[in-house]
C-alpha atoms as a PDB file:
ATOM      1  CA  UNK A   1    -199.827 -23.429  91.260  1.00  0.00           C
ATOM      2  CA  UNK A   2    -197.640 -23.191  88.104  1.00  0.00           C
ATOM      3  CA  UNK A   3    -197.106 -25.993  85.658  1.00  0.00           C
ATOM      4  CA  UNK A   4    -193.964 -27.190  87.420  1.00  0.00           C
ATOM      5  CA  UNK A   5    -195.748 -27.647  90.723  1.00  0.00           C
ATOM      6  CA  UNK A   6    -198.874 -29.116  89.155  1.00  0.00           C
ATOM      7  CA  UNK A   7    -197.013 -31.754  87.228  1.00  0.00           C
ATOM      8  CA  UNK A   8    -194.598 -32.801  89.944  1.00  0.00           C
ATOM      9  CA  UNK A   9    -197.417 -32.925  92.501  1.00  0.00           C
ATOM     10  CA  UNK A  10    -199.324 -35.256  90.185  1.00  0.00           C
ATOM     11  CA  UNK A  11    -196.418 -37.691  90.413  1.00  0.00           C
ATOM     12  CA  UNK A  12    -196.328 -37.570  94.207  1.00  0.00           C
ATOM     13  CA  UNK A  13    -199.908 -37.077  95.356  1.00  0.00           C
ATOM     14  CA  UNK A  14    -202.572 -39.763  95.612  1.00  0.00           C
ATOM     15  CA  UNK A  15    -205.437 -37.331  94.862  1.00  0.00           C
ATOM     16  CA  UNK A  16    -206.501 -36.708  91.266  1.00  0.00           C
ATOM     17  CA  UNK A  17    -204.782 -33.797  89.491  1.00  0.00           C
ATOM     18  CA  UNK A  18    -206.651 -30.537  88.788  1.00  0.00           C
ATOM     19  CA  UNK A  19    -206.309 -31.149  85.036  1.00  0.00           C
ATOM     20  CA  UNK A  20    -204.690 -33.592  82.605  1.00  0.00           C
ATOM     21  CA  UNK A  21    -201.129 -32.549  81.797  1.00  0.00           C
ATOM     22  CA  UNK A  22    -199.849 -33.115  78.297  1.00  0.00           C
ATOM     23  CA  UNK A  23    -196.652 -33.248  76.276  1.00  0.00           C
ATOM     24  CA  UNK A  24    -195.825 -33.923  72.640  1.00  0.00           C
ATOM     25  CA  UNK A  25    -192.520 -33.820  70.778  1.00  0.00           C
ATOM     26  CA  UNK A  26    -191.205 -33.448  67.214  1.00  0.00           C
ATOM     27  CA  UNK A  27    -187.768 -33.487  65.618  1.00  0.00           C
ATOM     28  CA  UNK A  28    -187.063 -30.000  64.386  1.00  0.00           C
ATOM     29  CA  UNK A  29    -185.451 -29.220  61.067  1.00  0.00           C
ATOM     30  CA  UNK A  30    -181.629 -29.735  61.028  1.00  0.00           C
ATOM     31  CA  UNK A  31    -181.131 -25.979  60.927  1.00  0.00           C
ATOM     32  CA  UNK A  32    -182.492 -25.932  64.520  1.00  0.00           C
ATOM     33  CA  UNK A  33    -180.322 -28.692  65.944  1.00  0.00           C
ATOM     34  CA  UNK A  34    -177.552 -26.601  67.416  1.00  0.00           C
ATOM     35  CA  UNK A  35    -176.826 -23.475  69.427  1.00  0.00           C
ATOM     36  CA  UNK A  36    -179.209 -20.606  69.988  1.00  0.00           C
ATOM     37  CA  UNK A  37    -181.384 -21.730  67.061  1.00  0.00           C
ATOM     38  CA  UNK A  38    -182.173 -24.975  68.917  1.00  0.00           C
ATOM     39  CA  UNK A  39    -182.945 -23.085  72.138  1.00  0.00           C
ATOM     40  CA  UNK A  40    -185.290 -20.679  70.340  1.00  0.00           C
ATOM     41  CA  UNK A  41    -187.079 -23.473  68.456  1.00  0.00           C
ATOM     42  CA  UNK A  42    -187.723 -25.471  71.651  1.00  0.00           C
ATOM     43  CA  UNK A  43    -189.072 -22.350  73.342  1.00  0.00           C
ATOM     44  CA  UNK A  44    -191.264 -21.485  70.376  1.00  0.00           C
ATOM     45  CA  UNK A  45    -192.749 -24.980  70.348  1.00  0.00           C
ATOM     46  CA  UNK A  46    -193.302 -25.002  74.089  1.00  0.00           C
ATOM     47  CA  UNK A  47    -195.053 -21.609  74.161  1.00  0.00           C
ATOM     48  CA  UNK A  48    -197.130 -22.243  71.032  1.00  0.00           C
ATOM     49  CA  UNK A  49    -198.462 -25.636  72.141  1.00  0.00           C
ATOM     50  CA  UNK A  50    -198.916 -24.900  75.841  1.00  0.00           C
ATOM     51  CA  UNK A  51    -197.499 -28.226  76.966  1.00  0.00           C
ATOM     52  CA  UNK A  52    -196.688 -28.853  80.611  1.00  0.00           C
ATOM     53  CA  UNK A  53    -192.944 -29.531  80.412  1.00  0.00           C
ATOM     54  CA  UNK A  54    -190.022 -29.016  78.093  1.00  0.00           C
ATOM     55  CA  UNK A  55    -188.570 -32.144  76.581  1.00  0.00           C
ATOM     56  CA  UNK A  56    -185.240 -31.443  74.946  1.00  0.00           C
ATOM     57  CA  UNK A  57    -184.613 -33.365  71.795  1.00  0.00           C
ATOM     58  CA  UNK A  58    -181.206 -35.075  71.452  1.00  0.00           C
ATOM     59  CA  UNK A  59    -179.871 -34.567  67.933  1.00  0.00           C
ATOM     60  CA  UNK A  60    -176.134 -35.073  68.567  1.00  0.00           C
ATOM     61  CA  UNK A  61    -176.258 -38.821  67.875  1.00  0.00           C
ATOM     62  CA  UNK A  62    -173.172 -40.981  67.865  1.00  0.00           C
ATOM     63  CA  UNK A  63    -171.460 -40.867  64.436  1.00  0.00           C
ATOM     64  CA  UNK A  64    -170.921 -43.944  62.285  1.00  0.00           C
ATOM     65  CA  UNK A  65    -167.659 -45.725  62.866  1.00  0.00           C
ATOM     66  CA  UNK A  66    -166.543 -47.434  59.722  1.00  0.00           C
ATOM     67  CA  UNK A  67    -163.734 -49.211  61.558  1.00  0.00           C
ATOM     68  CA  UNK A  68    -166.210 -51.282  63.518  1.00  0.00           C
ATOM     69  CA  UNK A  69    -167.019 -53.953  60.974  1.00  0.00           C
ATOM     70  CA  UNK A  70    -167.269 -57.044  63.158  1.00  0.00           C
ATOM     71  CA  UNK A  71    -168.014 -57.723  66.816  1.00  0.00           C
ATOM     72  CA  UNK A  72    -164.391 -57.913  67.800  1.00  0.00           C
ATOM     73  CA  UNK A  73    -163.835 -54.392  66.444  1.00  0.00           C
ATOM     74  CA  UNK A  74    -165.800 -52.886  69.384  1.00  0.00           C
ATOM     75  CA  UNK A  75    -162.485 -52.528  71.232  1.00  0.00           C
ATOM     76  CA  UNK A  76    -161.876 -49.649  68.768  1.00  0.00           C
ATOM     77  CA  UNK A  77    -164.901 -47.685  70.012  1.00  0.00           C
ATOM     78  CA  UNK A  78    -163.720 -44.273  71.193  1.00  0.00           C
ATOM     79  CA  UNK A  79    -164.867 -42.836  74.526  1.00  0.00           C
ATOM     80  CA  UNK A  80    -166.731 -39.625  73.798  1.00  0.00           C
ATOM     81  CA  UNK A  81    -166.025 -37.240  76.654  1.00  0.00           C
ATOM     82  CA  UNK A  82    -167.670 -33.996  77.743  1.00  0.00           C
ATOM     83  CA  UNK A  83    -166.474 -32.000  74.745  1.00  0.00           C
ATOM     84  CA  UNK A  84    -168.510 -34.266  72.467  1.00  0.00           C
ATOM     85  CA  UNK A  85    -171.689 -33.137  74.304  1.00  0.00           C
ATOM     86  CA  UNK A  86    -170.783 -29.471  74.786  1.00  0.00           C
ATOM     87  CA  UNK A  87    -173.267 -28.031  72.272  1.00  0.00           C
ATOM     88  CA  UNK A  88    -176.101 -30.150  73.628  1.00  0.00           C
ATOM     89  CA  UNK A  89    -175.230 -29.124  77.162  1.00  0.00           C
ATOM     90  CA  UNK A  90    -175.272 -25.449  76.164  1.00  0.00           C
ATOM     91  CA  UNK A  91    -178.731 -25.924  74.702  1.00  0.00           C
ATOM     92  CA  UNK A  92    -179.898 -27.601  77.924  1.00  0.00           C
ATOM     93  CA  UNK A  93    -178.392 -24.782  80.012  1.00  0.00           C
ATOM     94  CA  UNK A  94    -180.096 -22.120  77.876  1.00  0.00           C
ATOM     95  CA  UNK A  95    -183.497 -23.788  78.220  1.00  0.00           C
ATOM     96  CA  UNK A  96    -183.090 -24.282  81.950  1.00  0.00           C
ATOM     97  CA  UNK A  97    -182.326 -20.557  82.292  1.00  0.00           C
ATOM     98  CA  UNK A  98    -185.329 -19.600  80.166  1.00  0.00           C
ATOM     99  CA  UNK A  99    -188.072 -21.760  81.670  1.00  0.00           C
ATOM    100  CA  UNK A 100    -186.602 -23.999  84.343  1.00  0.00           C
ATOM    101  CA  UNK A 101    -188.421 -22.184  87.120  1.00  0.00           C
ATOM    102  CA  UNK A 102    -191.712 -22.383  85.244  1.00  0.00           C
ATOM    103  CA  UNK A 103    -191.963 -25.967  84.101  1.00  0.00           C
ATOM    104  CA  UNK A 104    -190.048 -29.231  84.472  1.00  0.00           C
ATOM    105  CA  UNK A 105    -187.235 -29.651  81.970  1.00  0.00           C
ATOM    106  CA  UNK A 106    -186.247 -33.153  80.853  1.00  0.00           C
ATOM    107  CA  UNK A 107    -183.556 -34.310  78.478  1.00  0.00           C
ATOM    108  CA  UNK A 108    -183.808 -37.049  75.838  1.00  0.00           C
ATOM    109  CA  UNK A 109    -181.194 -39.753  76.258  1.00  0.00           C
ATOM    110  CA  UNK A 110    -180.912 -42.731  73.941  1.00  0.00           C
ATOM    111  CA  UNK A 111    -179.934 -46.050  75.530  1.00  0.00           C
ATOM    112  CA  UNK A 112    -176.457 -47.532  75.080  1.00  0.00           C
ATOM    113  CA  UNK A 113    -177.944 -50.151  72.735  1.00  0.00           C
ATOM    114  CA  UNK A 114    -179.545 -47.467  70.625  1.00  0.00           C
ATOM    115  CA  UNK A 115    -176.255 -45.520  70.518  1.00  0.00           C
ATOM    116  CA  UNK A 116    -174.500 -48.697  69.377  1.00  0.00           C
ATOM    117  CA  UNK A 117    -177.060 -48.899  66.564  1.00  0.00           C
ATOM    118  CA  UNK A 118    -176.341 -45.350  65.559  1.00  0.00           C
ATOM    119  CA  UNK A 119    -172.609 -46.257  65.506  1.00  0.00           C
ATOM    120  CA  UNK A 120    -172.799 -49.247  63.156  1.00  0.00           C
ATOM    121  CA  UNK A 121    -176.438 -49.614  62.014  1.00  0.00           C
ATOM    122  CA  UNK A 122    -179.546 -51.185  63.494  1.00  0.00           C
ATOM    123  CA  UNK A 123    -179.381 -54.503  61.710  1.00  0.00           C
ATOM    124  CA  UNK A 124    -175.630 -54.725  62.140  1.00  0.00           C
ATOM    125  CA  UNK A 125    -175.778 -54.463  65.929  1.00  0.00           C
ATOM    126  CA  UNK A 126    -178.420 -57.232  66.020  1.00  0.00           C
ATOM    127  CA  UNK A 127    -176.205 -59.594  64.028  1.00  0.00           C
ATOM    128  CA  UNK A 128    -173.012 -58.826  65.971  1.00  0.00           C
ATOM    129  CA  UNK A 129    -174.765 -59.482  69.313  1.00  0.00           C
ATOM    130  CA  UNK A 130    -175.981 -62.809  68.002  1.00  0.00           C
ATOM    131  CA  UNK A 131    -172.517 -63.755  66.698  1.00  0.00           C
ATOM    132  CA  UNK A 132    -170.355 -62.591  69.574  1.00  0.00           C
ATOM    133  CA  UNK A 133    -172.145 -60.999  72.549  1.00  0.00           C
ATOM    134  CA  UNK A 134    -169.031 -60.863  74.763  1.00  0.00           C
ATOM    135  CA  UNK A 135    -167.147 -58.837  72.178  1.00  0.00           C
ATOM    136  CA  UNK A 136    -170.053 -56.404  71.723  1.00  0.00           C
ATOM    137  CA  UNK A 137    -170.247 -55.893  75.468  1.00  0.00           C
ATOM    138  CA  UNK A 138    -166.827 -54.282  75.403  1.00  0.00           C
ATOM    139  CA  UNK A 139    -168.257 -51.570  73.181  1.00  0.00           C
ATOM    140  CA  UNK A 140    -171.407 -51.267  75.298  1.00  0.00           C
ATOM    141  CA  UNK A 141    -169.290 -50.565  78.331  1.00  0.00           C
ATOM    142  CA  UNK A 142    -167.464 -47.712  76.550  1.00  0.00           C
ATOM    143  CA  UNK A 143    -170.761 -46.235  75.319  1.00  0.00           C
ATOM    144  CA  UNK A 144    -172.286 -46.489  78.795  1.00  0.00           C
ATOM    145  CA  UNK A 145    -169.295 -44.723  80.327  1.00  0.00           C
ATOM    146  CA  UNK A 146    -169.651 -41.970  77.743  1.00  0.00           C
ATOM    147  CA  UNK A 147    -173.391 -41.525  78.284  1.00  0.00           C
ATOM    148  CA  UNK A 148    -172.824 -41.340  82.006  1.00  0.00           C
ATOM    149  CA  UNK A 149    -170.595 -38.319  81.443  1.00  0.00           C
ATOM    150  CA  UNK A 150    -173.521 -36.634  79.662  1.00  0.00           C
ATOM    151  CA  UNK A 151    -176.141 -37.675  82.186  1.00  0.00           C
ATOM    152  CA  UNK A 152    -174.110 -36.395  85.126  1.00  0.00           C
ATOM    153  CA  UNK A 153    -173.429 -33.082  83.324  1.00  0.00           C
ATOM    154  CA  UNK A 154    -177.194 -32.682  82.749  1.00  0.00           C
ATOM    155  CA  UNK A 155    -177.882 -33.385  86.418  1.00  0.00           C
ATOM    156  CA  UNK A 156    -175.306 -30.771  87.406  1.00  0.00           C
ATOM    157  CA  UNK A 157    -177.175 -28.271  85.235  1.00  0.00           C
ATOM    158  CA  UNK A 158    -180.260 -28.889  87.356  1.00  0.00           C
ATOM    159  CA  UNK A 159    -182.551 -30.778  84.927  1.00  0.00           C
ATOM    160  CA  UNK A 160    -185.662 -32.322  86.437  1.00  0.00           C
ATOM    161  CA  UNK A 161    -185.218 -35.625  84.691  1.00  0.00           C
ATOM    162  CA  UNK A 162    -184.769 -37.543  81.489  1.00  0.00           C
ATOM    163  CA  UNK A 163    -186.813 -39.027  78.703  1.00  0.00           C
ATOM    164  CA  UNK A 164    -184.932 -42.353  78.734  1.00  0.00           C
ATOM    165  CA  UNK A 165    -185.489 -44.103  75.396  1.00  0.00           C
ATOM    166  CA  UNK A 166    -184.752 -47.829  75.139  1.00  0.00           C
ATOM    167  CA  UNK A 167    -185.052 -50.576  72.558  1.00  0.00           C
ATOM    168  CA  UNK A 168    -183.828 -54.142  72.229  1.00  0.00           C
ATOM    169  CA  UNK A 169    -186.681 -56.401  73.166  1.00  0.00           C
ATOM    170  CA  UNK A 170    -188.885 -55.925  70.138  1.00  0.00           C
ATOM    171  CA  UNK A 171    -190.502 -59.087  68.848  1.00  0.00           C
ATOM    172  CA  UNK A 172    -188.148 -59.331  65.855  1.00  0.00           C
ATOM    173  CA  UNK A 173    -184.811 -58.759  67.606  1.00  0.00           C
ATOM    174  CA  UNK A 174    -183.555 -61.872  69.389  1.00  0.00           C
ATOM    175  CA  UNK A 175    -185.015 -65.343  69.734  1.00  0.00           C
ATOM    176  CA  UNK A 176    -182.638 -65.855  72.730  1.00  0.00           C
ATOM    177  CA  UNK A 177    -183.894 -63.687  75.600  1.00  0.00           C
ATOM    178  CA  UNK A 178    -180.495 -63.997  77.289  1.00  0.00           C
ATOM    179  CA  UNK A 179    -179.040 -61.701  74.654  1.00  0.00           C
ATOM    180  CA  UNK A 180    -181.244 -58.847  75.839  1.00  0.00           C
ATOM    181  CA  UNK A 181    -180.536 -59.650  79.486  1.00  0.00           C
ATOM    182  CA  UNK A 182    -176.755 -59.809  78.939  1.00  0.00           C
ATOM    183  CA  UNK A 183    -176.015 -57.145  76.260  1.00  0.00           C
ATOM    184  CA  UNK A 184    -178.766 -54.506  76.750  1.00  0.00           C
ATOM    185  CA  UNK A 185    -180.518 -54.513  80.112  1.00  0.00           C
ATOM    186  CA  UNK A 186    -177.461 -54.053  82.388  1.00  0.00           C
ATOM    187  CA  UNK A 187    -176.295 -51.017  80.485  1.00  0.00           C
ATOM    188  CA  UNK A 188    -179.795 -49.460  80.383  1.00  0.00           C
ATOM    189  CA  UNK A 189    -180.037 -49.907  84.160  1.00  0.00           C
ATOM    190  CA  UNK A 190    -176.625 -48.351  84.827  1.00  0.00           C
ATOM    191  CA  UNK A 191    -177.737 -45.128  83.123  1.00  0.00           C
ATOM    192  CA  UNK A 192    -181.358 -45.140  84.329  1.00  0.00           C
ATOM    193  CA  UNK A 193    -180.474 -45.874  87.977  1.00  0.00           C
ATOM    194  CA  UNK A 194    -178.214 -42.770  87.966  1.00  0.00           C
ATOM    195  CA  UNK A 195    -181.149 -40.772  86.608  1.00  0.00           C
ATOM    196  CA  UNK A 196    -183.439 -42.220  89.268  1.00  0.00           C
ATOM    197  CA  UNK A 197    -181.066 -41.378  92.124  1.00  0.00           C
ATOM    198  CA  UNK A 198    -180.795 -37.709  91.106  1.00  0.00           C
ATOM    199  CA  UNK A 199    -184.065 -36.615  89.463  1.00  0.00           C
ATOM    200  CA  UNK A 200    -187.741 -36.363  90.226  1.00  0.00           C
ATOM    201  CA  UNK A 201    -189.306 -36.679  86.768  1.00  0.00           C
ATOM    202  CA  UNK A 202    -187.965 -39.423  84.540  1.00  0.00           C
ATOM    203  CA  UNK A 203    -189.970 -40.915  81.703  1.00  0.00           C
ATOM    204  CA  UNK A 204    -189.234 -44.487  80.630  1.00  0.00           C
ATOM    205  CA  UNK A 205    -189.859 -44.583  76.871  1.00  0.00           C
ATOM    206  CA  UNK A 206    -190.098 -48.068  75.342  1.00  0.00           C
ATOM    207  CA  UNK A 207    -189.555 -47.192  71.689  1.00  0.00           C
ATOM    208  CA  UNK A 208    -191.302 -49.118  68.940  1.00  0.00           C
ATOM    209  CA  UNK A 209    -189.714 -47.293  66.023  1.00  0.00           C
ATOM    210  CA  UNK A 210    -188.252 -50.458  64.519  1.00  0.00           C
ATOM    211  CA  UNK A 211    -190.938 -53.001  65.534  1.00  0.00           C
ATOM    212  CA  UNK A 212    -193.667 -53.845  68.011  1.00  0.00           C
ATOM    213  CA  UNK A 213    -193.382 -55.719  71.278  1.00  0.00           C
ATOM    214  CA  UNK A 214    -195.091 -58.891  72.434  1.00  0.00           C
ATOM    215  CA  UNK A 215    -193.636 -58.797  75.929  1.00  0.00           C
ATOM    216  CA  UNK A 216    -193.101 -55.818  78.243  1.00  0.00           C
ATOM    217  CA  UNK A 217    -192.110 -57.853  81.282  1.00  0.00           C
ATOM    218  CA  UNK A 218    -188.344 -57.202  80.841  1.00  0.00           C
ATOM    219  CA  UNK A 219    -189.018 -53.480  81.381  1.00  0.00           C
ATOM    220  CA  UNK A 220    -191.239 -53.867  84.392  1.00  0.00           C
ATOM    221  CA  UNK A 221    -188.435 -53.135  86.914  1.00  0.00           C
ATOM    222  CA  UNK A 222    -186.841 -50.380  84.883  1.00  0.00           C
ATOM    223  CA  UNK A 223    -186.751 -47.033  86.728  1.00  0.00           C
ATOM    224  CA  UNK A 224    -188.908 -44.160  85.611  1.00  0.00           C
ATOM    225  CA  UNK A 225    -191.577 -42.117  87.337  1.00  0.00           C
ATOM    226  CA  UNK A 226    -193.760 -42.309  84.199  1.00  0.00           C
ATOM    227  CA  UNK A 227    -193.910 -44.876  81.427  1.00  0.00           C
ATOM    228  CA  UNK A 228    -194.484 -44.049  77.755  1.00  0.00           C
ATOM    229  CA  UNK A 229    -194.995 -46.829  75.229  1.00  0.00           C
ATOM    230  CA  UNK A 230    -197.342 -48.010  72.520  1.00  0.00           C
ATOM    231  CA  UNK A 231    -200.594 -49.580  73.558  1.00  0.00           C
ATOM    232  CA  UNK A 232    -200.087 -52.347  71.047  1.00  0.00           C
ATOM    233  CA  UNK A 233    -198.747 -55.553  72.551  1.00  0.00           C
ATOM    234  CA  UNK A 234    -198.627 -58.515  70.263  1.00  0.00           C
ATOM    235  CA  UNK A 235    -202.093 -59.007  68.809  1.00  0.00           C
ATOM    236  CA  UNK A 236    -203.702 -57.020  71.687  1.00  0.00           C
ATOM    237  CA  UNK A 237    -204.260 -53.339  72.314  1.00  0.00           C
ATOM    238  CA  UNK A 238    -203.889 -52.492  75.975  1.00  0.00           C
ATOM    239  CA  UNK A 239    -206.058 -49.849  77.595  1.00  0.00           C
ATOM    240  CA  UNK A 240    -204.510 -46.781  79.203  1.00  0.00           C
ATOM    241  CA  UNK A 241    -205.385 -48.165  82.627  1.00  0.00           C
ATOM    242  CA  UNK A 242    -204.003 -51.605  81.919  1.00  0.00           C
ATOM    243  CA  UNK A 243    -200.617 -50.144  81.109  1.00  0.00           C
ATOM    244  CA  UNK A 244    -200.630 -47.893  84.194  1.00  0.00           C
ATOM    245  CA  UNK A 245    -201.620 -50.852  86.393  1.00  0.00           C
ATOM    246  CA  UNK A 246    -199.013 -53.141  84.855  1.00  0.00           C
ATOM    247  CA  UNK A 247    -196.172 -50.704  85.512  1.00  0.00           C
ATOM    248  CA  UNK A 248    -197.677 -49.358  88.783  1.00  0.00           C
ATOM    249  CA  UNK A 249    -196.949 -45.758  87.736  1.00  0.00           C
ATOM    250  CA  UNK A 250    -198.558 -43.002  85.661  1.00  0.00           C
ATOM    251  CA  UNK A 251    -198.817 -43.630  81.946  1.00  0.00           C
ATOM    252  CA  UNK A 252    -198.101 -41.051  79.274  1.00  0.00           C
ATOM    253  CA  UNK A 253    -199.597 -41.723  75.864  1.00  0.00           C
ATOM    254  CA  UNK A 254    -202.907 -42.617  74.260  1.00  0.00           C
ATOM    255  CA  UNK A 255    -202.461 -40.649  71.010  1.00  0.00           C
ATOM    256  CA  UNK A 256    -201.500 -42.440  67.777  1.00  0.00           C
ATOM    257  CA  UNK A 257    -198.609 -40.303  66.449  1.00  0.00           C
ATOM    258  CA  UNK A 258    -199.672 -40.827  62.874  1.00  0.00           C
ATOM    259  CA  UNK A 259    -203.433 -40.627  63.462  1.00  0.00           C
ATOM    260  CA  UNK A 260    -205.992 -37.913  64.118  1.00  0.00           C
ATOM    261  CA  UNK A 261    -203.503 -35.544  65.719  1.00  0.00           C
ATOM    262  CA  UNK A 262    -201.422 -35.525  62.521  1.00  0.00           C
ATOM    263  CA  UNK A 263    -204.167 -35.118  59.947  1.00  0.00           C
ATOM    264  CA  UNK A 264    -207.472 -34.508  61.687  1.00  0.00           C
ATOM    265  CA  UNK A 265    -209.648 -31.468  62.081  1.00  0.00           C
ATOM    266  CA  UNK A 266    -209.998 -29.587  65.375  1.00  0.00           C
ATOM    267  CA  UNK A 267    -213.361 -31.215  66.176  1.00  0.00           C
ATOM    268  CA  UNK A 268    -211.880 -34.636  65.492  1.00  0.00           C
ATOM    269  CA  UNK A 269    -208.898 -33.906  67.745  1.00  0.00           C
ATOM    270  CA  UNK A 270    -211.235 -32.670  70.466  1.00  0.00           C
ATOM    271  CA  UNK A 271    -213.361 -35.817  70.216  1.00  0.00           C
ATOM    272  CA  UNK A 272    -210.281 -38.010  70.333  1.00  0.00           C
ATOM    273  CA  UNK A 273    -208.771 -36.358  73.403  1.00  0.00           C
ATOM    274  CA  UNK A 274    -212.065 -36.337  75.339  1.00  0.00           C
ATOM    275  CA  UNK A 275    -212.454 -40.041  74.594  1.00  0.00           C
ATOM    276  CA  UNK A 276    -209.012 -40.731  75.939  1.00  0.00           C
ATOM    277  CA  UNK A 277    -209.682 -38.726  79.110  1.00  0.00           C
ATOM    278  CA  UNK A 278    -212.836 -40.722  79.776  1.00  0.00           C
ATOM    279  CA  UNK A 279    -210.879 -43.987  79.905  1.00  0.00           C
ATOM    280  CA  UNK A 280    -207.633 -42.679  81.398  1.00  0.00           C
ATOM    281  CA  UNK A 281    -206.342 -43.608  84.858  1.00  0.00           C
ATOM    282  CA  UNK A 282    -206.339 -40.896  87.522  1.00  0.00           C
ATOM    283  CA  UNK A 283    -202.629 -40.142  87.053  1.00  0.00           C
ATOM    284  CA  UNK A 284    -202.160 -39.763  83.369  1.00  0.00           C
ATOM    285  CA  UNK A 285    -200.230 -37.505  80.948  1.00  0.00           C
ATOM    286  CA  UNK A 286    -201.671 -37.061  77.483  1.00  0.00           C
ATOM    287  CA  UNK A 287    -199.030 -37.767  74.866  1.00  0.00           C
ATOM    288  CA  UNK A 288    -198.214 -39.789  71.781  1.00  0.00           C
ATOM    289  CA  UNK A 289    -196.706 -43.207  71.577  1.00  0.00           C
ATOM    290  CA  UNK A 290    -193.526 -41.646  70.166  1.00  0.00           C
ATOM    291  CA  UNK A 291    -192.312 -38.571  68.346  1.00  0.00           C
ATOM    292  CA  UNK A 292    -194.887 -36.854  66.111  1.00  0.00           C
ATOM    293  CA  UNK A 293    -194.224 -36.267  62.390  1.00  0.00           C
ATOM    294  CA  UNK A 294    -191.924 -33.283  61.855  1.00  0.00           C
ATOM    295  CA  UNK A 295    -194.293 -31.592  59.430  1.00  0.00           C
ATOM    296  CA  UNK A 296    -197.313 -31.629  61.777  1.00  0.00           C
ATOM    297  CA  UNK A 297    -199.308 -28.429  62.214  1.00  0.00           C
ATOM    298  CA  UNK A 298    -198.424 -27.105  65.673  1.00  0.00           C
ATOM    299  CA  UNK A 299    -202.017 -25.905  66.042  1.00  0.00           C
ATOM    300  CA  UNK A 300    -203.141 -29.543  66.113  1.00  0.00           C
ATOM    301  CA  UNK A 301    -200.909 -30.176  69.118  1.00  0.00           C
ATOM    302  CA  UNK A 302    -202.103 -26.952  70.778  1.00  0.00           C
ATOM    303  CA  UNK A 303    -205.693 -28.066  70.357  1.00  0.00           C
ATOM    304  CA  UNK A 304    -205.082 -31.468  71.867  1.00  0.00           C
ATOM    305  CA  UNK A 305    -203.374 -29.964  74.880  1.00  0.00           C
ATOM    306  CA  UNK A 306    -206.038 -27.250  75.413  1.00  0.00           C
ATOM    307  CA  UNK A 307    -208.727 -29.966  75.506  1.00  0.00           C
ATOM    308  CA  UNK A 308    -206.705 -31.953  78.043  1.00  0.00           C
ATOM    309  CA  UNK A 309    -206.422 -28.837  80.140  1.00  0.00           C
ATOM    310  CA  UNK A 310    -210.184 -28.397  80.017  1.00  0.00           C
ATOM    311  CA  UNK A 311    -209.946 -25.035  78.243  1.00  0.00           C
ATOM    312  CA  UNK A 312    -212.832 -23.683  76.188  1.00  0.00           C
ATOM    313  CA  UNK A 313    -215.469 -25.954  77.751  1.00  0.00           C
END
């Protein structure tokens, strides 16, 4: 059984997997964001670390639009069509050709809300939603239509799924929960439901880059065969099993992205991973709570994955 079969069977079988699969990600230097250089860097990272799938970073973020200064300006948001994504699609096609028969290949997609933040700024989108949610929704509809073009093109290339990253319900964002439910959730679901209809291996990533969460309930019904999020919830730290049980699906995580894996020794990394495996639910993917630091030693990642695979025992 190759890595593709092993990982996909873990998602579908009730019996425990033969080993713990693992996957970690970093943002590569800007010189590796485009073209063949991006393909080669992803392949180099995959082969060096020994991870169980290829997760393609998305570096072609929406550009800033200076003309969108207030909420009513969202009518000026352009619709980015397929040509906007062409370089990214070529990278995906190259990686599918190189390793698609060997391992699952999934594509990073930022949520419409996150793309709106890239367009005008994180704090700015918060304030505009509070001031005039109906006006912002016009922009969210355009962004969602654009992202759907990209998602469908990826599906046509034969990807196994997506790493669907979402934000918007962090503890600091909105006092009024209706703002998330009206301006963020429907657009998330439009994209993610398309992924769910077409793919077998989608990871729901609840991103805590800007702040922590004190409530994960709004994401409970989000699609995704696997969930990836921080274990920190308000003042509590959830166990790996508690998260898996809450979402009723496999959990990917356990590793603090800025902790032992970033700066520890090989024995410390081994001890950390073995401790996580002891407490992990049966269906579990070792990973970090988010993207690892870009300057991390790749050998640290390789060590963590080899321990998860039970190598060298």
